[in-house]
Amino acid sequence: MANFYKSEVITEMREQGLVPVFYHGKKEVVLNVVEACVKGGSRLVEFTNRGEG
């Protein structure tokens, strides 16, 4: 897993203007959504872990 300084993440959030927030229980769906976000120019995605277990 990559490591980032808090200041780097905050700077990227400001430059990007938004952070897509996403949850889905299936790994394949998550990977497809994140890939689409990256292709659309997003460098940040917040994955919220709301699943069972």
PDB file of N, CA and C in Angstrom:
ATOM      1  N   MET A   1       0.836  -1.168   0.000  1.00  0.00           N
ATOM      2  CA  MET A   1       0.000   0.000   0.000  1.00  0.00           C
ATOM      3  C   MET A   1       0.891   1.244   0.000  1.00  0.00           C
ATOM      4  N   ALA A   2       0.506   2.216  -0.779  1.00  0.00           N
ATOM      5  CA  ALA A   2       1.270   3.453  -0.856  1.00  0.00           C
ATOM      6  C   ALA A   2       1.109   4.272   0.419  1.00  0.00           C
ATOM      7  N   ASN A   3       2.132   5.021   0.745  1.00  0.00           N
ATOM      8  CA  ASN A   3       2.094   5.921   1.895  1.00  0.00           C
ATOM      9  C   ASN A   3       2.120   7.355   1.401  1.00  0.00           C
ATOM     10  N   PHE A   4       1.277   8.189   1.972  1.00  0.00           N
ATOM     11  CA  PHE A   4       1.215   9.588   1.599  1.00  0.00           C
ATOM     12  C   PHE A   4       1.218  10.438   2.852  1.00  0.00           C
ATOM     13  N   TYR A   5       1.839  11.597   2.751  1.00  0.00           N
ATOM     14  CA  TYR A   5       1.779  12.548   3.847  1.00  0.00           C
ATOM     15  C   TYR A   5       0.416  13.232   3.829  1.00  0.00           C
ATOM     16  N   LYS A   6      -0.082  13.557   5.006  1.00  0.00           N
ATOM     17  CA  LYS A   6      -1.374  14.224   5.134  1.00  0.00           C
ATOM     18  C   LYS A   6      -1.423  15.482   4.266  1.00  0.00           C
ATOM     19  N   SER A   7      -0.347  16.235   4.271  1.00  0.00           N
ATOM     20  CA  SER A   7      -0.312  17.478   3.492  1.00  0.00           C
ATOM     21  C   SER A   7      -0.439  17.213   1.998  1.00  0.00           C
ATOM     22  N   GLU A   8       0.113  16.102   1.511  1.00  0.00           N
ATOM     23  CA  GLU A   8       0.007  15.750   0.094  1.00  0.00           C
ATOM     24  C   GLU A   8      -1.440  15.429  -0.281  1.00  0.00           C
ATOM     25  N   VAL A   9      -2.119  14.707   0.597  1.00  0.00           N
ATOM     26  CA  VAL A   9      -3.512  14.332   0.341  1.00  0.00           C
ATOM     27  C   VAL A   9      -4.397  15.573   0.348  1.00  0.00           C
ATOM     28  N   ILE A  10      -4.188  16.454   1.316  1.00  0.00           N
ATOM     29  CA  ILE A  10      -4.985  17.683   1.396  1.00  0.00           C
ATOM     30  C   ILE A  10      -4.753  18.549   0.164  1.00  0.00           C
ATOM     31  N   THR A  11      -3.516  18.668  -0.279  1.00  0.00           N
ATOM     32  CA  THR A  11      -3.209  19.439  -1.485  1.00  0.00           C
ATOM     33  C   THR A  11      -3.916  18.848  -2.697  1.00  0.00           C
ATOM     34  N   GLU A  12      -3.880  17.540  -2.841  1.00  0.00           N
ATOM     35  CA  GLU A  12      -4.538  16.882  -3.966  1.00  0.00           C
ATOM     36  C   GLU A  12      -6.051  17.075  -3.904  1.00  0.00           C
ATOM     37  N   MET A  13      -6.625  17.013  -2.717  1.00  0.00           N
ATOM     38  CA  MET A  13      -8.067  17.232  -2.562  1.00  0.00           C
ATOM     39  C   MET A  13      -8.440  18.639  -3.024  1.00  0.00           C
ATOM     40  N   ARG A  14      -7.647  19.609  -2.643  1.00  0.00           N
ATOM     41  CA  ARG A  14      -7.921  20.999  -3.047  1.00  0.00           C
ATOM     42  C   ARG A  14      -7.785  21.170  -4.553  1.00  0.00           C
ATOM     43  N   GLU A  15      -6.759  20.580  -5.125  1.00  0.00           N
ATOM     44  CA  GLU A  15      -6.534  20.697  -6.571  1.00  0.00           C
ATOM     45  C   GLU A  15      -7.616  19.965  -7.367  1.00  0.00           C
ATOM     46  N   GLN A  16      -8.024  18.826  -6.884  1.00  0.00           N
ATOM     47  CA  GLN A  16      -9.016  18.016  -7.587  1.00  0.00           C
ATOM     48  C   GLN A  16     -10.415  18.620  -7.463  1.00  0.00           C
ATOM     49  N   GLY A  17     -10.713  19.192  -6.319  1.00  0.00           N
ATOM     50  CA  GLY A  17     -11.996  19.843  -6.122  1.00  0.00           C
ATOM     51  C   GLY A  17     -13.097  18.950  -5.587  1.00  0.00           C
ATOM     52  N   LEU A  18     -12.909  17.644  -5.654  1.00  0.00           N
ATOM     53  CA  LEU A  18     -13.878  16.710  -5.092  1.00  0.00           C
ATOM     54  C   LEU A  18     -13.200  15.376  -4.862  1.00  0.00           C
ATOM     55  N   VAL A  19     -13.798  14.582  -3.976  1.00  0.00           N
ATOM     56  CA  VAL A  19     -13.312  13.231  -3.716  1.00  0.00           C
ATOM     57  C   VAL A  19     -14.495  12.287  -3.867  1.00  0.00           C
ATOM     58  N   PRO A  20     -14.479  11.442  -4.895  1.00  0.00           N
ATOM     59  CA  PRO A  20     -15.569  10.474  -5.031  1.00  0.00           C
ATOM     60  C   PRO A  20     -15.592   9.533  -3.824  1.00  0.00           C
ATOM     61  N   VAL A  21     -16.757   9.366  -3.236  1.00  0.00           N
ATOM     62  CA  VAL A  21     -16.929   8.458  -2.099  1.00  0.00           C
ATOM     63  C   VAL A  21     -17.773   7.295  -2.586  1.00  0.00           C
ATOM     64  N   PHE A  22     -17.307   6.086  -2.308  1.00  0.00           N
ATOM     65  CA  PHE A  22     -17.944   4.928  -2.914  1.00  0.00           C
ATOM     66  C   PHE A  22     -17.901   3.714  -2.002  1.00  0.00           C
ATOM     67  N   TYR A  23     -18.954   2.911  -2.082  1.00  0.00           N
ATOM     68  CA  TYR A  23     -18.961   1.594  -1.445  1.00  0.00           C
ATOM     69  C   TYR A  23     -19.760   0.624  -2.301  1.00  0.00           C
ATOM     70  N   HIS A  24     -19.251  -0.567  -2.405  1.00  0.00           N
ATOM     71  CA  HIS A  24     -20.000  -1.683  -2.997  1.00  0.00           C
ATOM     72  C   HIS A  24     -19.413  -2.948  -2.400  1.00  0.00           C
ATOM     73  N   GLY A  25     -20.219  -3.945  -2.206  1.00  0.00           N
ATOM     74  CA  GLY A  25     -19.775  -5.180  -1.573  1.00  0.00           C
ATOM     75  C   GLY A  25     -18.948  -6.100  -2.456  1.00  0.00           C
ATOM     76  N   LYS A  26     -18.995  -5.889  -3.766  1.00  0.00           N
ATOM     77  CA  LYS A  26     -18.261  -6.776  -4.677  1.00  0.00           C
ATOM     78  C   LYS A  26     -16.977  -6.119  -5.170  1.00  0.00           C
ATOM     79  N   LYS A  27     -15.875  -6.821  -4.962  1.00  0.00           N
ATOM     80  CA  LYS A  27     -14.559  -6.312  -5.325  1.00  0.00           C
ATOM     81  C   LYS A  27     -14.480  -5.913  -6.797  1.00  0.00           C
ATOM     82  N   GLU A  28     -15.054  -6.708  -7.670  1.00  0.00           N
ATOM     83  CA  GLU A  28     -14.973  -6.439  -9.105  1.00  0.00           C
ATOM     84  C   GLU A  28     -15.642  -5.117  -9.459  1.00  0.00           C
ATOM     85  N   VAL A  29     -16.774  -4.838  -8.821  1.00  0.00           N
ATOM     86  CA  VAL A  29     -17.483  -3.580  -9.068  1.00  0.00           C
ATOM     87  C   VAL A  29     -16.647  -2.406  -8.568  1.00  0.00           C
ATOM     88  N   VAL A  30     -16.074  -2.556  -7.384  1.00  0.00           N
ATOM     89  CA  VAL A  30     -15.236  -1.504  -6.805  1.00  0.00           C
ATOM     90  C   VAL A  30     -14.079  -1.183  -7.751  1.00  0.00           C
ATOM     91  N   LEU A  31     -13.394  -2.208  -8.230  1.00  0.00           N
ATOM     92  CA  LEU A  31     -12.257  -1.983  -9.121  1.00  0.00           C
ATOM     93  C   LEU A  31     -12.678  -1.283 -10.403  1.00  0.00           C
ATOM     94  N   ASN A  32     -13.821  -1.649 -10.954  1.00  0.00           N
ATOM     95  CA  ASN A  32     -14.315  -0.991 -12.169  1.00  0.00           C
ATOM     96  C   ASN A  32     -14.650   0.473 -11.926  1.00  0.00           C
ATOM     97  N   VAL A  33     -15.275   0.772 -10.803  1.00  0.00           N
ATOM     98  CA  VAL A  33     -15.635   2.159 -10.483  1.00  0.00           C
ATOM     99  C   VAL A  33     -14.378   2.999 -10.252  1.00  0.00           C
ATOM    100  N   VAL A  34     -13.430   2.461  -9.507  1.00  0.00           N
ATOM    101  CA  VAL A  34     -12.185   3.195  -9.258  1.00  0.00           C
ATOM    102  C   VAL A  34     -11.444   3.425 -10.574  1.00  0.00           C
ATOM    103  N   GLU A  35     -11.397   2.428 -11.425  1.00  0.00           N
ATOM    104  CA  GLU A  35     -10.743   2.581 -12.726  1.00  0.00           C
ATOM    105  C   GLU A  35     -11.416   3.687 -13.543  1.00  0.00           C
ATOM    106  N   ALA A  36     -12.738   3.726 -13.529  1.00  0.00           N
ATOM    107  CA  ALA A  36     -13.471   4.770 -14.253  1.00  0.00           C
ATOM    108  C   ALA A  36     -13.162   6.153 -13.674  1.00  0.00           C
ATOM    109  N   CYS A  37     -13.073   6.247 -12.354  1.00  0.00           N
ATOM    110  CA  CYS A  37     -12.726   7.530 -11.723  1.00  0.00           C
ATOM    111  C   CYS A  37     -11.340   7.991 -12.147  1.00  0.00           C
ATOM    112  N   VAL A  38     -10.391   7.073 -12.158  1.00  0.00           N
ATOM    113  CA  VAL A  38      -9.026   7.401 -12.559  1.00  0.00           C
ATOM    114  C   VAL A  38      -8.990   7.833 -14.026  1.00  0.00           C
ATOM    115  N   LYS A  39      -9.689   7.110 -14.879  1.00  0.00           N
ATOM    116  CA  LYS A  39      -9.749   7.490 -16.296  1.00  0.00           C
ATOM    117  C   LYS A  39     -10.384   8.862 -16.479  1.00  0.00           C
ATOM    118  N   GLY A  40     -11.283   9.224 -15.570  1.00  0.00           N
ATOM    119  CA  GLY A  40     -11.923  10.531 -15.616  1.00  0.00           C
ATOM    120  C   GLY A  40     -11.085  11.643 -15.007  1.00  0.00           C
ATOM    121  N   GLY A  41      -9.916  11.294 -14.474  1.00  0.00           N
ATOM    122  CA  GLY A  41      -9.001  12.299 -13.953  1.00  0.00           C
ATOM    123  C   GLY A  41      -8.864  12.353 -12.454  1.00  0.00           C
ATOM    124  N   SER A  42      -9.610  11.542 -11.736  1.00  0.00           N
ATOM    125  CA  SER A  42      -9.530  11.549 -10.279  1.00  0.00           C
ATOM    126  C   SER A  42      -8.267  10.831  -9.808  1.00  0.00           C
ATOM    127  N   ARG A  43      -7.590  11.437  -8.859  1.00  0.00           N
ATOM    128  CA  ARG A  43      -6.424  10.790  -8.254  1.00  0.00           C
ATOM    129  C   ARG A  43      -6.731  10.328  -6.843  1.00  0.00           C
ATOM    130  N   LEU A  44      -7.924  10.684  -6.352  1.00  0.00           N
ATOM    131  CA  LEU A  44      -8.348  10.285  -5.009  1.00  0.00           C
ATOM    132  C   LEU A  44      -9.724   9.648  -5.082  1.00  0.00           C
ATOM    133  N   VAL A  45      -9.914   8.572  -4.345  1.00  0.00           N
ATOM    134  CA  VAL A  45     -11.225   7.949  -4.185  1.00  0.00           C
ATOM    135  C   VAL A  45     -11.305   7.478  -2.742  1.00  0.00           C
ATOM    136  N   GLU A  46     -12.394   7.807  -2.075  1.00  0.00           N
ATOM    137  CA  GLU A  46     -12.585   7.312  -0.716  1.00  0.00           C
ATOM    138  C   GLU A  46     -13.500   6.102  -0.783  1.00  0.00           C
ATOM    139  N   PHE A  47     -12.985   4.976  -0.368  1.00  0.00           N
ATOM    140  CA  PHE A  47     -13.779   3.752  -0.300  1.00  0.00           C
ATOM    141  C   PHE A  47     -14.251   3.609   1.132  1.00  0.00           C
ATOM    142  N   THR A  48     -15.559   3.640   1.323  1.00  0.00           N
ATOM    143  CA  THR A  48     -16.105   3.511   2.672  1.00  0.00           C
ATOM    144  C   THR A  48     -16.437   2.048   2.936  1.00  0.00           C
ATOM    145  N   ASN A  49     -15.885   1.509   3.993  1.00  0.00           N
ATOM    146  CA  ASN A  49     -16.080   0.106   4.326  1.00  0.00           C
ATOM    147  C   ASN A  49     -17.337  -0.042   5.172  1.00  0.00           C
ATOM    148  N   ARG A  50     -18.464  -0.271   4.508  1.00  0.00           N
ATOM    149  CA  ARG A  50     -19.738  -0.413   5.207  1.00  0.00           C
ATOM    150  C   ARG A  50     -20.259  -1.842   5.131  1.00  0.00           C
ATOM    151  N   GLY A  51     -19.454  -2.738   4.631  1.00  0.00           N
ATOM    152  CA  GLY A  51     -19.904  -4.106   4.436  1.00  0.00           C
ATOM    153  C   GLY A  51     -20.005  -4.883   5.727  1.00  0.00           C
ATOM    154  N   GLU A  52     -20.602  -6.047   5.604  1.00  0.00           N
ATOM    155  CA  GLU A  52     -20.736  -6.929   6.754  1.00  0.00           C
ATOM    156  C   GLU A  52     -19.400  -7.564   7.089  1.00  0.00           C
ATOM    157  N   GLY A  53     -19.244  -7.904   8.353  1.00  0.00           N
ATOM    158  CA  GLY A  53     -18.067  -8.640   8.777  1.00  0.00           C
ATOM    159  C   GLY A  53     -16.973  -7.769   9.140  1.00  0.00           C
TER     160      GLY A  53
END
